[in-house]
Amino acid sequence: MSDRRIQQVSLDYARQYAAPDTLDENDELLVLDNLDRMDFSNKTLQPGFIMYCFCRSGKAGFLLNTQRLEMQAGDFLIGLGEQIFEDCHTSPDFNGVIIIVSRRYSQESIVGLYHLWPYLLYVIDHPVLHLSEEEQRRVGGSYDLLVRRLRHRSHRYRRETIIAQMRTFYFDICDILSRRCPQCDAKHSRSCALFDSFIRLLSMHFKTERNVMWYSDQLCLTPKYLSEAVKAVSGKTARQWITTLVIMEVKVLLRNTDLSIKEIAQELNFPNQSFLGKYFKNATNISPSDYRRS
């Protein structure tokens, strides 16, 4: 088990690595284009923002929520926030760019995340996308346009033009995802809106609330209707999503902290250590102690 502590990465912390001529005091969108200054090889990081990383050359490797991943030239990473990055390393010739967006700004710039939700499960399983040459040109072009808009400080409608460019960038990402996951259907706007609300609630309360009825009550729905809507969008029921987030958090705590299993059970509002052990083993076929040792 790693004895490193999880370092929460805020937007303010990331700002020190941003391109200076794209910044202003209240920016909630950052462009990081000088990654040579970043050395996270011995750190365990948990970003509190959405990020998009495009690898222009070289290679980068890391663990993302315990999943070993590698990026090479032409690859694109979608980071959904609150994920755990560790064991990061890059080749000497690595060159890439990162766009960081606060959650509030992301909501404003893309007018809700409804078009992305059908692909959420795919993104969780495949956070690194291998882009075609045409897709690389499109992503690189969107990045270049965004940087030009950020640098155009005298533009009277600078913020509006940046938001418009981010929307274009966002829908390009959705188009790229739709080609890899054609069975996902983004047309059910009502179901997508419910899924959006459910995921927001879940991300805030999964550590204490694991009952589908609690979430359905908050949304003034029946548990059955909520689960059917969630499954129609994502392919997983509400209960499965709850379990997914809880198990991901337990794995992070087991791997990256020295908390005892009893303390983890208390942290996640389980009645006792035994209850947590059964919950974890039912979902993973391995006990928490065996997972920690592995």
Protein backbone atom coordinates (compact mmCIF):
# COMPACT_ATOMS: atom_id res chain seq x y z
CA MET A 1 0.00 0.00 0.00
CA SER A 2 1.20 3.51 -0.76
CA ASP A 3 1.97 5.67 2.27
CA ARG A 4 1.50 8.87 0.30
CA ARG A 5 -1.28 11.23 1.29
CA ILE A 6 -3.89 12.37 -1.20
CA GLN A 7 -3.23 15.95 -2.27
CA GLN A 8 -6.37 17.88 -3.14
CA VAL A 9 -5.68 19.98 -6.25
CA SER A 10 -7.70 23.17 -6.46
CA LEU A 11 -8.09 25.56 -9.37
CA ASP A 12 -5.95 28.08 -7.47
CA TYR A 13 -3.16 25.52 -7.12
CA ALA A 14 -3.26 24.69 -10.83
CA ARG A 15 -3.15 28.38 -11.72
CA GLN A 16 0.61 28.55 -11.06
CA TYR A 17 1.18 26.28 -14.06
CA ALA A 18 -1.16 28.17 -16.41
CA ALA A 19 -0.10 30.24 -19.41
CA PRO A 20 0.25 33.77 -17.91
CA ASP A 21 -1.19 35.64 -20.89
CA THR A 22 -4.46 33.69 -20.70
CA LEU A 23 -5.20 34.51 -17.07
CA ASP A 24 -7.30 37.05 -15.27
CA GLU A 25 -8.22 37.27 -11.62
CA ASN A 26 -11.57 35.48 -11.80
CA ASP A 27 -10.87 32.92 -14.50
CA GLU A 28 -12.44 29.52 -13.90
CA LEU A 29 -10.94 28.15 -17.10
CA LEU A 30 -7.19 27.54 -17.26
CA VAL A 31 -4.86 26.51 -20.06
CA LEU A 32 -1.70 24.65 -19.06
CA ASP A 33 0.74 24.53 -21.96
CA ASN A 34 4.11 24.28 -20.20
CA LEU A 35 3.93 20.87 -18.60
CA ASP A 36 7.71 20.62 -18.27
CA ARG A 37 7.42 22.57 -15.00
CA MET A 38 5.05 20.01 -13.53
CA ASP A 39 6.54 17.14 -11.53
CA PHE A 40 3.93 14.93 -9.92
CA SER A 41 5.91 11.69 -10.07
CA ASN A 42 5.84 11.15 -6.29
CA LYS A 43 2.43 12.58 -5.52
CA THR A 44 -1.10 11.27 -5.26
CA LEU A 45 -3.48 13.90 -6.61
CA GLN A 46 -7.23 14.45 -6.56
CA PRO A 47 -8.27 17.32 -8.87
CA GLY A 48 -11.40 19.23 -7.94
CA PHE A 49 -12.21 20.23 -11.51
CA ILE A 50 -12.93 18.86 -14.97
CA MET A 51 -9.88 18.54 -17.21
CA TYR A 52 -9.09 17.70 -20.82
CA CYS A 53 -5.53 16.74 -21.74
CA PHE A 54 -4.22 16.40 -25.30
CA CYS A 55 -0.85 14.68 -25.82
CA ARG A 56 1.06 16.25 -28.72
CA SER A 57 4.19 14.09 -28.49
CA GLY A 58 5.98 11.61 -26.26
CA LYS A 59 4.31 9.43 -23.64
CA ALA A 60 2.80 9.74 -20.17
CA GLY A 61 1.80 6.99 -17.78
CA PHE A 62 -0.21 7.07 -14.54
CA LEU A 63 -2.72 5.30 -12.35
CA LEU A 64 -6.24 6.71 -12.48
CA ASN A 65 -8.45 5.32 -9.71
CA THR A 66 -6.10 2.30 -9.60
CA GLN A 67 -6.40 1.75 -13.39
CA ARG A 68 -3.02 1.76 -15.17
CA LEU A 69 -3.17 4.05 -18.21
CA GLU A 70 -0.76 5.39 -20.81
CA MET A 71 -1.02 8.30 -23.22
CA GLN A 72 0.97 8.79 -26.39
CA ALA A 73 0.97 11.32 -29.21
CA GLY A 74 -2.57 11.95 -30.41
CA ASP A 75 -4.28 10.68 -27.25
CA PHE A 76 -6.92 12.64 -25.34
CA LEU A 77 -7.75 12.32 -21.65
CA ILE A 78 -11.09 13.29 -20.11
CA GLY A 79 -10.85 13.82 -16.34
CA LEU A 80 -14.22 14.10 -14.61
CA GLY A 81 -12.92 15.51 -11.33
CA GLU A 82 -12.48 13.93 -7.88
CA GLN A 83 -10.52 11.06 -9.47
CA ILE A 84 -7.21 9.89 -8.00
CA PHE A 85 -4.04 10.25 -10.10
CA GLU A 86 -0.83 8.63 -8.90
CA ASP A 87 2.50 7.23 -10.12
CA CYS A 88 2.58 9.84 -12.90
CA HIS A 89 5.61 9.80 -15.21
CA THR A 90 6.42 11.22 -18.64
CA SER A 91 9.01 10.55 -21.33
CA PRO A 92 11.70 13.21 -21.97
CA ASP A 93 9.99 14.24 -25.21
CA PHE A 94 6.49 14.51 -23.69
CA ASN A 95 4.54 17.58 -24.76
CA GLY A 96 0.89 18.19 -24.04
CA VAL A 97 -1.74 20.75 -23.18
CA ILE A 98 -4.41 20.69 -20.48
CA ILE A 99 -7.66 22.61 -20.34
CA ILE A 100 -9.04 22.90 -16.79
CA VAL A 101 -12.62 23.97 -16.19
CA SER A 102 -14.37 24.59 -12.89
CA ARG A 103 -17.64 22.75 -12.41
CA ARG A 104 -19.65 25.98 -12.28
CA TYR A 105 -18.05 27.37 -15.41
CA SER A 106 -18.48 24.04 -17.17
CA GLN A 107 -22.21 24.14 -16.49
CA GLU A 108 -22.44 27.70 -17.79
CA SER A 109 -20.35 27.16 -20.89
CA ILE A 110 -22.10 24.02 -22.08
CA VAL A 111 -25.62 24.73 -20.85
CA GLY A 112 -25.89 21.55 -18.84
CA LEU A 113 -24.10 18.26 -19.34
CA TYR A 114 -27.04 16.41 -20.85
CA HIS A 115 -25.31 15.45 -24.08
CA LEU A 116 -22.36 13.93 -22.22
CA TRP A 117 -24.28 11.81 -19.71
CA PRO A 118 -25.08 8.94 -22.11
CA TYR A 119 -21.33 8.49 -22.55
CA LEU A 120 -20.41 8.83 -18.87
CA LEU A 121 -20.01 5.11 -18.25
CA TYR A 122 -17.84 4.81 -21.36
CA VAL A 123 -15.65 7.73 -20.23
CA ILE A 124 -15.21 6.17 -16.78
CA ASP A 125 -14.07 2.91 -18.37
CA HIS A 126 -12.09 4.59 -21.20
CA PRO A 127 -10.75 7.94 -19.91
CA VAL A 128 -7.99 7.97 -22.55
CA LEU A 129 -9.21 8.18 -26.16
CA HIS A 130 -6.97 7.31 -29.10
CA LEU A 131 -7.82 9.98 -31.69
CA SER A 132 -7.70 9.64 -35.45
CA GLU A 133 -5.64 12.16 -37.43
CA GLU A 134 -8.80 14.12 -38.31
CA GLU A 135 -9.91 14.12 -34.64
CA GLN A 136 -6.44 15.28 -33.58
CA ARG A 137 -6.65 18.22 -35.99
CA ARG A 138 -10.08 19.11 -34.66
CA VAL A 139 -9.06 18.98 -30.99
CA GLY A 140 -5.80 20.83 -31.68
CA GLY A 141 -7.67 23.46 -33.68
CA SER A 142 -10.23 23.97 -30.92
CA TYR A 143 -7.46 24.40 -28.40
CA ASP A 144 -5.66 26.99 -30.57
CA LEU A 145 -8.89 28.96 -31.06
CA LEU A 146 -9.62 28.89 -27.34
CA VAL A 147 -6.17 30.23 -26.49
CA ARG A 148 -6.57 33.07 -29.00
CA ARG A 149 -9.90 34.00 -27.44
CA LEU A 150 -8.39 33.96 -23.95
CA ARG A 151 -5.56 36.24 -25.06
CA HIS A 152 -7.90 38.73 -26.74
CA ARG A 153 -8.43 40.81 -23.60
CA SER A 154 -9.66 43.93 -25.36
CA HIS A 155 -12.64 42.10 -26.90
CA ARG A 156 -15.81 43.62 -25.46
CA TYR A 157 -17.51 40.21 -25.42
CA ARG A 158 -14.46 38.19 -24.41
CA ARG A 159 -16.28 36.01 -21.88
CA GLU A 160 -19.15 35.29 -24.27
CA THR A 161 -16.78 34.31 -27.09
CA ILE A 162 -14.83 32.02 -24.75
CA ILE A 163 -18.05 30.32 -23.65
CA ALA A 164 -19.08 29.89 -27.28
CA GLN A 165 -15.71 28.33 -28.12
CA MET A 166 -15.95 25.98 -25.13
CA ARG A 167 -19.36 24.84 -26.32
CA THR A 168 -17.88 24.00 -29.71
CA PHE A 169 -15.03 22.15 -28.05
CA TYR A 170 -17.49 20.30 -25.81
CA PHE A 171 -19.72 19.15 -28.67
CA ASP A 172 -16.66 18.01 -30.63
CA ILE A 173 -15.86 15.76 -27.66
CA CYS A 174 -19.42 14.39 -27.65
CA ASP A 175 -19.15 13.70 -31.39
CA ILE A 176 -15.87 11.83 -30.84
CA LEU A 177 -17.50 9.78 -28.07
CA SER A 178 -20.58 9.03 -30.18
CA ARG A 179 -18.34 7.39 -32.81
CA ARG A 180 -16.90 5.06 -30.18
CA CYS A 181 -20.13 4.37 -28.37
CA PRO A 182 -22.86 4.53 -31.05
CA GLN A 183 -25.37 2.60 -28.95
CA CYS A 184 -25.61 5.53 -26.54
CA ASP A 185 -28.66 7.63 -27.28
CA ALA A 186 -28.47 11.31 -26.30
CA LYS A 187 -32.01 12.18 -27.43
CA HIS A 188 -33.87 11.47 -24.20
CA SER A 189 -33.49 14.94 -22.72
CA ARG A 190 -35.89 14.29 -19.80
CA SER A 191 -34.01 11.17 -18.72
CA CYS A 192 -30.68 12.95 -19.18
CA ALA A 193 -31.87 15.84 -17.02
CA LEU A 194 -32.90 13.40 -14.28
CA PHE A 195 -29.58 11.61 -14.54
CA ASP A 196 -27.81 14.95 -14.27
CA SER A 197 -29.71 15.75 -11.06
CA PHE A 198 -29.14 12.26 -9.67
CA ILE A 199 -25.39 12.30 -10.29
CA ARG A 200 -25.10 15.74 -8.68
CA LEU A 201 -26.89 14.49 -5.56
CA LEU A 202 -24.91 11.27 -5.55
CA SER A 203 -21.55 13.01 -5.79
CA MET A 204 -22.43 15.10 -2.72
CA HIS A 205 -24.06 12.42 -0.56
CA PHE A 206 -22.78 8.96 -1.54
CA LYS A 207 -20.60 8.81 1.58
CA THR A 208 -23.65 8.91 3.81
CA GLU A 209 -26.64 7.90 1.67
CA ARG A 210 -26.75 4.54 -0.14
CA ASN A 211 -30.49 4.01 -0.40
CA VAL A 212 -32.14 4.62 -3.80
CA MET A 213 -35.29 5.78 -2.06
CA TRP A 214 -33.42 8.66 -0.39
CA TYR A 215 -32.36 9.99 -3.82
CA SER A 216 -35.78 9.43 -5.37
CA ASP A 217 -37.40 11.30 -2.46
CA GLN A 218 -35.05 14.25 -3.01
CA LEU A 219 -36.07 14.31 -6.69
CA CYS A 220 -39.80 13.73 -5.96
CA LEU A 221 -39.81 10.49 -7.94
CA THR A 222 -40.50 6.84 -7.24
CA PRO A 223 -37.40 4.64 -6.86
CA LYS A 224 -38.52 2.57 -9.86
CA TYR A 225 -38.91 5.59 -12.14
CA LEU A 226 -35.54 7.00 -11.09
CA SER A 227 -33.75 3.71 -11.72
CA GLU A 228 -35.42 3.25 -15.11
CA ALA A 229 -34.47 6.78 -16.19
CA VAL A 230 -30.89 6.38 -14.96
CA LYS A 231 -30.52 3.03 -16.71
CA ALA A 232 -31.99 4.38 -19.96
CA VAL A 233 -29.23 7.01 -20.06
CA SER A 234 -26.23 5.19 -18.63
CA GLY A 235 -26.89 1.47 -18.83
CA LYS A 236 -26.65 1.15 -15.03
CA THR A 237 -29.38 1.39 -12.40
CA ALA A 238 -29.34 3.99 -9.64
CA ARG A 239 -28.29 1.35 -7.12
CA GLN A 240 -25.41 0.26 -9.35
CA TRP A 241 -24.21 3.87 -9.61
CA ILE A 242 -24.35 4.25 -5.84
CA THR A 243 -22.31 1.07 -5.41
CA THR A 244 -19.82 2.18 -8.07
CA LEU A 245 -19.03 5.47 -6.33
CA VAL A 246 -18.86 3.92 -2.87
CA ILE A 247 -16.52 1.13 -4.00
CA MET A 248 -14.29 3.61 -5.85
CA GLU A 249 -13.99 5.68 -2.67
CA VAL A 250 -13.25 2.64 -0.51
CA LYS A 251 -10.49 1.57 -2.93
CA VAL A 252 -8.96 5.04 -2.86
CA LEU A 253 -8.94 5.08 0.95
CA LEU A 254 -7.52 1.56 1.15
CA ARG A 255 -4.76 2.31 -1.33
CA ASN A 256 -3.79 5.86 -0.43
CA THR A 257 -4.35 6.27 3.31
CA ASP A 258 -3.35 4.57 6.53
CA LEU A 259 -6.92 4.57 7.83
CA SER A 260 -7.93 1.26 9.34
CA ILE A 261 -10.85 -0.59 7.79
CA LYS A 262 -12.88 0.30 10.88
CA GLU A 263 -12.06 3.98 10.35
CA ILE A 264 -12.99 3.73 6.66
CA ALA A 265 -16.32 2.19 7.67
CA GLN A 266 -16.92 5.17 9.96
CA GLU A 267 -15.83 7.62 7.25
CA LEU A 268 -18.41 6.18 4.84
CA ASN A 269 -21.20 5.82 7.39
CA PHE A 270 -21.30 2.01 7.49
CA PRO A 271 -22.75 0.52 10.70
CA ASN A 272 -19.51 -1.37 11.37
CA GLN A 273 -16.39 -2.87 9.81
CA SER A 274 -18.09 -6.20 9.13
CA PHE A 275 -20.88 -4.52 7.14
CA LEU A 276 -18.32 -2.67 5.02
CA GLY A 277 -16.43 -5.92 4.41
CA LYS A 278 -19.54 -7.71 3.14
CA TYR A 279 -20.55 -4.73 0.95
CA PHE A 280 -17.07 -4.52 -0.59
CA LYS A 281 -16.70 -8.26 -1.17
CA ASN A 282 -20.15 -8.56 -2.75
CA ALA A 283 -19.14 -5.89 -5.28
CA THR A 284 -15.53 -6.93 -5.93
CA ASN A 285 -15.22 -10.60 -4.89
CA ILE A 286 -12.31 -9.65 -2.63
CA SER A 287 -12.17 -8.48 0.98
CA PRO A 288 -10.96 -4.96 1.86
CA SER A 289 -7.91 -6.36 3.65
CA ASP A 290 -6.97 -8.57 0.68
CA TYR A 291 -7.42 -5.61 -1.69
CA ARG A 292 -5.14 -3.46 0.49
CA ARG A 293 -2.46 -6.18 0.57
CA SER A 294 -2.64 -6.63 -3.22
